[in-house]
Amino acid sequence: MIGRNIEQLRKEKGISQKDFISKMQTMGCDINPTSYSKLEGQVRIATDKELYVIAKILNVTIDELYGDK
């Protein structure tokens, strides 16, 4: 559900997928490119820790990740 929103927000911020994954790893999220790609492609669900880290990197609330602005 949120994969498309995350991808859109990431692109709006001008962050490449590779750099985004690197930032997530720096913040303690053990994620690999394949897993992240599946998240954006809505093939898998994000964990609570991933949601927290993604929201921090994008400087948005978790509600905004779901499209609730």
C-alpha atoms as a PDB file:
ATOM      1  CA  MET A   1       0.000   0.000   0.000  1.00  0.00           C
ATOM      2  CA  ILE A   2       2.688   2.504   0.922  1.00  0.00           C
ATOM      3  CA  GLY A   3       5.355   1.400  -1.542  1.00  0.00           C
ATOM      4  CA  ARG A   4       4.214   3.783  -4.252  1.00  0.00           C
ATOM      5  CA  ASN A   5       3.988   6.668  -1.790  1.00  0.00           C
ATOM      6  CA  ILE A   6       7.499   5.989  -0.507  1.00  0.00           C
ATOM      7  CA  GLU A   7       8.839   5.860  -4.049  1.00  0.00           C
ATOM      8  CA  GLN A   8       7.094   9.117  -4.965  1.00  0.00           C
ATOM      9  CA  LEU A   9       8.325  10.932  -1.839  1.00  0.00           C
ATOM     10  CA  ARG A  10      11.864   9.615  -2.356  1.00  0.00           C
ATOM     11  CA  LYS A  11      11.907  10.825  -5.951  1.00  0.00           C
ATOM     12  CA  GLU A  12      10.464  14.219  -4.958  1.00  0.00           C
ATOM     13  CA  LYS A  13      13.417  14.610  -2.591  1.00  0.00           C
ATOM     14  CA  GLY A  14      15.824  13.668  -5.397  1.00  0.00           C
ATOM     15  CA  ILE A  15      17.248  10.647  -3.568  1.00  0.00           C
ATOM     16  CA  SER A  16      18.334   7.644  -5.631  1.00  0.00           C
ATOM     17  CA  GLN A  17      17.252   4.196  -4.520  1.00  0.00           C
ATOM     18  CA  LYS A  18      20.901   3.282  -3.849  1.00  0.00           C
ATOM     19  CA  ASP A  19      21.460   6.343  -1.634  1.00  0.00           C
ATOM     20  CA  PHE A  20      18.168   5.767   0.166  1.00  0.00           C
ATOM     21  CA  ILE A  21      19.095   2.174   0.986  1.00  0.00           C
ATOM     22  CA  SER A  22      22.481   3.371   2.224  1.00  0.00           C
ATOM     23  CA  LYS A  23      20.803   5.918   4.526  1.00  0.00           C
ATOM     24  CA  MET A  24      18.475   3.231   5.863  1.00  0.00           C
ATOM     25  CA  GLN A  25      21.442   0.948   6.584  1.00  0.00           C
ATOM     26  CA  THR A  26      23.284   3.804   8.328  1.00  0.00           C
ATOM     27  CA  MET A  27      20.247   4.266  10.583  1.00  0.00           C
ATOM     28  CA  GLY A  28      20.351   0.596  11.618  1.00  0.00           C
ATOM     29  CA  CYS A  29      17.896  -0.916   9.142  1.00  0.00           C
ATOM     30  CA  ASP A  30      19.287  -4.139   7.707  1.00  0.00           C
ATOM     31  CA  ILE A  31      17.839  -3.955   4.190  1.00  0.00           C
ATOM     32  CA  ASN A  32      19.242  -5.000   0.841  1.00  0.00           C
ATOM     33  CA  PRO A  33      18.424  -3.575  -2.609  1.00  0.00           C
ATOM     34  CA  THR A  34      16.178  -6.505  -3.563  1.00  0.00           C
ATOM     35  CA  SER A  35      14.148  -6.230  -0.370  1.00  0.00           C
ATOM     36  CA  TYR A  36      13.780  -2.469  -0.760  1.00  0.00           C
ATOM     37  CA  SER A  37      12.757  -2.839  -4.399  1.00  0.00           C
ATOM     38  CA  LYS A  38      10.062  -5.310  -3.342  1.00  0.00           C
ATOM     39  CA  LEU A  39       8.853  -2.790  -0.761  1.00  0.00           C
ATOM     40  CA  GLU A  40       8.482  -0.019  -3.365  1.00  0.00           C
ATOM     41  CA  GLY A  41       6.934  -2.504  -5.794  1.00  0.00           C
ATOM     42  CA  GLN A  42       4.364  -3.439  -3.167  1.00  0.00           C
ATOM     43  CA  VAL A  43       5.456  -7.076  -3.196  1.00  0.00           C
ATOM     44  CA  ARG A  44       6.225  -7.050   0.522  1.00  0.00           C
ATOM     45  CA  ILE A  45       5.087  -5.125   3.590  1.00  0.00           C
ATOM     46  CA  ALA A  46       7.399  -2.737   5.452  1.00  0.00           C
ATOM     47  CA  THR A  47       8.287  -3.543   9.047  1.00  0.00           C
ATOM     48  CA  ASP A  48       7.562  -1.052  11.810  1.00  0.00           C
ATOM     49  CA  LYS A  49      11.277  -0.229  12.086  1.00  0.00           C
ATOM     50  CA  GLU A  50      11.506   0.353   8.339  1.00  0.00           C
ATOM     51  CA  LEU A  51       8.491   2.679   8.445  1.00  0.00           C
ATOM     52  CA  TYR A  52      10.084   4.668  11.265  1.00  0.00           C
ATOM     53  CA  VAL A  53      13.438   4.995   9.477  1.00  0.00           C
ATOM     54  CA  ILE A  54      11.856   5.810   6.101  1.00  0.00           C
ATOM     55  CA  ALA A  55       9.710   8.548   7.660  1.00  0.00           C
ATOM     56  CA  LYS A  56      12.790  10.020   9.376  1.00  0.00           C
ATOM     57  CA  ILE A  57      14.839  10.036   6.164  1.00  0.00           C
ATOM     58  CA  LEU A  58      12.003  11.605   4.158  1.00  0.00           C
ATOM     59  CA  ASN A  59      11.186  14.024   6.988  1.00  0.00           C
ATOM     60  CA  VAL A  60       7.500  13.080   6.976  1.00  0.00           C
ATOM     61  CA  THR A  61       5.120  11.472   9.449  1.00  0.00           C
ATOM     62  CA  ILE A  62       4.250   7.810   9.197  1.00  0.00           C
ATOM     63  CA  ASP A  63       0.678   8.906   8.341  1.00  0.00           C
ATOM     64  CA  GLU A  64       2.087  10.772   5.335  1.00  0.00           C
ATOM     65  CA  LEU A  65       3.693   7.555   4.115  1.00  0.00           C
ATOM     66  CA  TYR A  66       0.157   6.196   3.866  1.00  0.00           C
ATOM     67  CA  GLY A  67      -0.967   9.281   1.944  1.00  0.00           C
ATOM     68  CA  ASP A  68      -2.701  10.984   4.884  1.00  0.00           C
ATOM     69  CA  LYS A  69      -1.465  14.578   4.792  1.00  0.00           C
END
